Amino acid sequence: MRQPFAITETLEKFDVVATIDGGGVSSQAGALRHGIARALCVFNLELRKALKKAGMLRRDARIKERKKYGQKGARRRFQFSKR
């Protein structure tokens, strides 16, 4: 969580209060890290180069697949019956 602050040397300048929901502990930490990095870019555009080089601005695009109409779940299908 503190990596964006450490990279940009702004560790003592900010206080962070965040509410994160869903996923696991590692995913939540990554989401918070990404959010802090984006907020630092809005605060000072010159920090973007260092954050981008460290890979802090890369987003994980994987999301939960939606449930399809007429089926039990996202991938679950009803059992085939020949008779």
N, C-alpha and C. Protein backbone atom coordinates (compact mmCIF):
# COMPACT_ATOMS: atom_id res chain seq x y z
N MET A 1 0.82 -1.19 0.00
CA MET A 1 0.00 0.00 0.00
C MET A 1 0.87 1.26 0.00
N ARG A 2 2.01 1.18 0.63
CA ARG A 2 2.86 2.37 0.73
C ARG A 2 3.82 2.53 -0.44
N GLN A 3 3.83 1.59 -1.36
CA GLN A 3 4.78 1.64 -2.47
C GLN A 3 4.69 2.92 -3.30
N PRO A 4 3.50 3.39 -3.69
CA PRO A 4 3.46 4.63 -4.47
C PRO A 4 4.06 5.82 -3.72
N PHE A 5 3.83 5.87 -2.41
CA PHE A 5 4.40 6.95 -1.61
C PHE A 5 5.92 6.83 -1.53
N ALA A 6 6.41 5.61 -1.39
CA ALA A 6 7.85 5.39 -1.29
C ALA A 6 8.55 5.75 -2.60
N ILE A 7 7.95 5.40 -3.73
CA ILE A 7 8.54 5.68 -5.03
C ILE A 7 8.61 7.18 -5.29
N THR A 8 7.55 7.89 -4.92
CA THR A 8 7.49 9.34 -5.19
C THR A 8 8.01 10.18 -4.03
N GLU A 9 8.46 9.53 -2.96
CA GLU A 9 9.01 10.21 -1.78
C GLU A 9 8.01 11.19 -1.17
N THR A 10 6.76 10.76 -1.05
CA THR A 10 5.70 11.58 -0.46
C THR A 10 5.06 10.86 0.73
N LEU A 11 5.83 10.03 1.42
CA LEU A 11 5.30 9.17 2.48
C LEU A 11 4.70 9.96 3.63
N GLU A 12 5.30 11.08 4.01
CA GLU A 12 4.84 11.85 5.17
C GLU A 12 3.85 12.95 4.80
N LYS A 13 3.54 13.13 3.53
CA LYS A 13 2.69 14.24 3.09
C LYS A 13 1.20 13.94 3.13
N PHE A 14 0.81 12.66 3.10
CA PHE A 14 -0.60 12.30 2.93
C PHE A 14 -1.08 11.33 4.01
N ASP A 15 -2.37 11.44 4.33
CA ASP A 15 -3.07 10.47 5.15
C ASP A 15 -4.12 9.82 4.27
N VAL A 16 -4.25 8.50 4.34
CA VAL A 16 -5.19 7.78 3.47
C VAL A 16 -6.26 7.12 4.32
N VAL A 17 -7.52 7.36 3.95
CA VAL A 17 -8.66 6.67 4.54
C VAL A 17 -9.41 6.04 3.37
N ALA A 18 -9.49 4.71 3.34
CA ALA A 18 -10.10 4.02 2.20
C ALA A 18 -11.02 2.91 2.69
N THR A 19 -12.12 2.72 1.95
CA THR A 19 -13.04 1.61 2.18
C THR A 19 -12.99 0.72 0.95
N ILE A 20 -12.59 -0.53 1.14
CA ILE A 20 -12.45 -1.46 0.02
C ILE A 20 -13.33 -2.67 0.28
N ASP A 21 -14.03 -3.14 -0.76
CA ASP A 21 -14.97 -4.24 -0.60
C ASP A 21 -14.72 -5.26 -1.71
N GLY A 22 -14.88 -6.52 -1.39
CA GLY A 22 -14.81 -7.58 -2.39
C GLY A 22 -13.40 -8.08 -2.61
N GLY A 23 -13.29 -9.19 -3.32
CA GLY A 23 -11.99 -9.78 -3.61
C GLY A 23 -11.34 -10.34 -2.37
N GLY A 24 -10.05 -10.56 -2.44
CA GLY A 24 -9.29 -11.06 -1.30
C GLY A 24 -8.37 -9.99 -0.77
N VAL A 25 -7.59 -10.33 0.21
CA VAL A 25 -6.69 -9.36 0.85
C VAL A 25 -5.67 -8.83 -0.15
N SER A 26 -5.10 -9.71 -0.95
CA SER A 26 -4.10 -9.30 -1.93
C SER A 26 -4.71 -8.40 -3.01
N SER A 27 -5.90 -8.75 -3.47
CA SER A 27 -6.58 -7.94 -4.49
C SER A 27 -6.94 -6.57 -3.95
N GLN A 28 -7.38 -6.52 -2.71
CA GLN A 28 -7.72 -5.25 -2.11
C GLN A 28 -6.49 -4.37 -1.94
N ALA A 29 -5.36 -4.97 -1.56
CA ALA A 29 -4.12 -4.21 -1.42
C ALA A 29 -3.68 -3.66 -2.78
N GLY A 30 -3.81 -4.47 -3.82
CA GLY A 30 -3.45 -4.02 -5.16
C GLY A 30 -4.36 -2.90 -5.65
N ALA A 31 -5.64 -3.01 -5.34
CA ALA A 31 -6.59 -1.97 -5.75
C ALA A 31 -6.30 -0.65 -5.02
N LEU A 32 -5.97 -0.74 -3.75
CA LEU A 32 -5.64 0.46 -2.98
C LEU A 32 -4.36 1.09 -3.50
N ARG A 33 -3.38 0.26 -3.81
CA ARG A 33 -2.11 0.76 -4.37
C ARG A 33 -2.35 1.48 -5.69
N HIS A 34 -3.19 0.90 -6.54
CA HIS A 34 -3.52 1.50 -7.83
C HIS A 34 -4.26 2.83 -7.64
N GLY A 35 -5.20 2.86 -6.71
CA GLY A 35 -5.95 4.08 -6.44
C GLY A 35 -5.07 5.20 -5.91
N ILE A 36 -4.15 4.86 -5.02
CA ILE A 36 -3.23 5.87 -4.49
C ILE A 36 -2.33 6.41 -5.59
N ALA A 37 -1.84 5.53 -6.45
CA ALA A 37 -0.98 5.95 -7.56
C ALA A 37 -1.73 6.90 -8.50
N ARG A 38 -2.99 6.59 -8.79
CA ARG A 38 -3.78 7.47 -9.66
C ARG A 38 -4.05 8.82 -9.00
N ALA A 39 -4.30 8.80 -7.70
CA ALA A 39 -4.53 10.04 -6.97
C ALA A 39 -3.27 10.92 -6.95
N LEU A 40 -2.12 10.28 -6.82
CA LEU A 40 -0.87 11.04 -6.85
C LEU A 40 -0.63 11.68 -8.22
N CYS A 41 -1.06 11.00 -9.29
CA CYS A 41 -0.94 11.57 -10.64
C CYS A 41 -1.83 12.79 -10.79
N VAL A 42 -3.00 12.76 -10.19
CA VAL A 42 -3.90 13.93 -10.24
C VAL A 42 -3.30 15.08 -9.42
N PHE A 43 -2.69 14.73 -8.29
CA PHE A 43 -2.08 15.74 -7.42
C PHE A 43 -0.91 16.43 -8.10
N ASN A 44 -0.02 15.63 -8.72
CA ASN A 44 1.15 16.20 -9.38
C ASN A 44 1.48 15.34 -10.59
N LEU A 45 1.33 15.89 -11.78
CA LEU A 45 1.51 15.14 -13.02
C LEU A 45 2.97 14.71 -13.23
N GLU A 46 3.90 15.37 -12.58
CA GLU A 46 5.31 15.01 -12.74
C GLU A 46 5.65 13.67 -12.07
N LEU A 47 4.80 13.22 -11.14
CA LEU A 47 5.03 11.94 -10.47
C LEU A 47 4.65 10.76 -11.35
N ARG A 48 3.91 11.01 -12.43
CA ARG A 48 3.39 9.95 -13.29
C ARG A 48 4.51 9.10 -13.90
N LYS A 49 5.59 9.75 -14.32
CA LYS A 49 6.67 9.02 -14.98
C LYS A 49 7.27 7.95 -14.06
N ALA A 50 7.53 8.31 -12.81
CA ALA A 50 8.11 7.35 -11.86
C ALA A 50 7.13 6.24 -11.53
N LEU A 51 5.84 6.58 -11.37
CA LEU A 51 4.82 5.57 -11.05
C LEU A 51 4.61 4.62 -12.21
N LYS A 52 4.62 5.15 -13.44
CA LYS A 52 4.41 4.31 -14.62
C LYS A 52 5.59 3.35 -14.81
N LYS A 53 6.80 3.83 -14.57
CA LYS A 53 7.98 2.99 -14.71
C LYS A 53 7.97 1.84 -13.71
N ALA A 54 7.42 2.09 -12.52
CA ALA A 54 7.34 1.06 -11.48
C ALA A 54 6.15 0.13 -11.66
N GLY A 55 5.28 0.41 -12.64
CA GLY A 55 4.13 -0.45 -12.91
C GLY A 55 2.95 -0.22 -11.99
N MET A 56 2.89 0.92 -11.33
CA MET A 56 1.81 1.21 -10.38
C MET A 56 0.51 1.62 -11.07
N LEU A 57 0.58 2.03 -12.33
CA LEU A 57 -0.61 2.51 -13.02
C LEU A 57 -1.25 1.43 -13.89
N ARG A 58 -0.75 0.21 -13.80
CA ARG A 58 -1.31 -0.90 -14.58
C ARG A 58 -2.51 -1.48 -13.83
N ARG A 59 -3.63 -1.63 -14.53
CA ARG A 59 -4.87 -2.10 -13.92
C ARG A 59 -5.10 -3.57 -14.26
N ASP A 60 -5.61 -4.34 -13.29
CA ASP A 60 -5.97 -5.72 -13.53
C ASP A 60 -7.42 -5.74 -14.01
N ALA A 61 -7.65 -6.10 -15.26
CA ALA A 61 -8.96 -5.97 -15.88
C ALA A 61 -9.89 -7.16 -15.62
N ARG A 62 -9.44 -8.16 -14.85
CA ARG A 62 -10.28 -9.33 -14.63
C ARG A 62 -11.44 -8.97 -13.71
N ILE A 63 -12.65 -9.30 -14.16
CA ILE A 63 -13.86 -9.05 -13.37
C ILE A 63 -14.69 -10.33 -13.33
N LYS A 64 -15.67 -10.36 -12.44
CA LYS A 64 -16.53 -11.52 -12.33
C LYS A 64 -17.42 -11.62 -13.57
N GLU A 65 -17.50 -12.83 -14.14
CA GLU A 65 -18.33 -13.07 -15.31
C GLU A 65 -19.80 -13.10 -14.90
N ARG A 66 -20.66 -12.49 -15.72
CA ARG A 66 -22.07 -12.38 -15.35
C ARG A 66 -22.82 -13.68 -15.58
N LYS A 67 -23.91 -13.86 -14.85
CA LYS A 67 -24.78 -15.02 -15.00
C LYS A 67 -25.58 -14.85 -16.29
N LYS A 68 -25.66 -15.93 -17.07
CA LYS A 68 -26.38 -15.87 -18.35
C LYS A 68 -27.86 -16.19 -18.15
N TYR A 69 -28.69 -15.63 -19.02
CA TYR A 69 -30.14 -15.83 -18.95
C TYR A 69 -30.49 -17.30 -19.14
N GLY A 70 -31.36 -17.83 -18.28
CA GLY A 70 -31.84 -19.21 -18.41
C GLY A 70 -30.87 -20.25 -17.89
N GLN A 71 -29.78 -19.84 -17.29
CA GLN A 71 -28.82 -20.79 -16.77
C GLN A 71 -28.63 -20.59 -15.26
N LYS A 72 -27.97 -21.56 -14.65
CA LYS A 72 -27.79 -21.51 -13.20
C LYS A 72 -26.69 -20.54 -12.77
N GLY A 73 -25.69 -20.32 -13.62
CA GLY A 73 -24.59 -19.43 -13.24
C GLY A 73 -23.88 -18.91 -14.46
N ALA A 74 -22.69 -18.39 -14.26
CA ALA A 74 -21.93 -17.82 -15.37
C ALA A 74 -21.51 -18.89 -16.38
N ARG A 75 -21.04 -20.01 -15.88
CA ARG A 75 -20.59 -21.09 -16.76
C ARG A 75 -21.39 -22.37 -16.57
N ARG A 76 -22.12 -22.50 -15.51
CA ARG A 76 -22.89 -23.70 -15.18
C ARG A 76 -24.07 -23.84 -16.14
N ARG A 77 -24.22 -25.01 -16.72
CA ARG A 77 -25.34 -25.29 -17.64
C ARG A 77 -26.22 -26.36 -17.00
N PHE A 78 -27.47 -26.42 -17.47
CA PHE A 78 -28.34 -27.48 -17.00
C PHE A 78 -27.88 -28.81 -17.58
N GLN A 79 -28.07 -29.89 -16.83
CA GLN A 79 -27.61 -31.21 -17.27
C GLN A 79 -28.40 -31.66 -18.50
N PHE A 80 -27.68 -32.17 -19.50
CA PHE A 80 -28.30 -32.65 -20.73
C PHE A 80 -29.00 -33.98 -20.47
N SER A 81 -30.22 -34.12 -20.97
CA SER A 81 -30.96 -35.35 -20.84
C SER A 81 -31.38 -35.83 -22.23
N LYS A 82 -30.93 -37.01 -22.63
CA LYS A 82 -31.26 -37.54 -23.94
C LYS A 82 -32.72 -37.95 -24.01
N ARG A 83 -33.27 -38.41 -22.89
CA ARG A 83 -34.68 -38.85 -22.85
C ARG A 83 -35.44 -38.09 -21.79
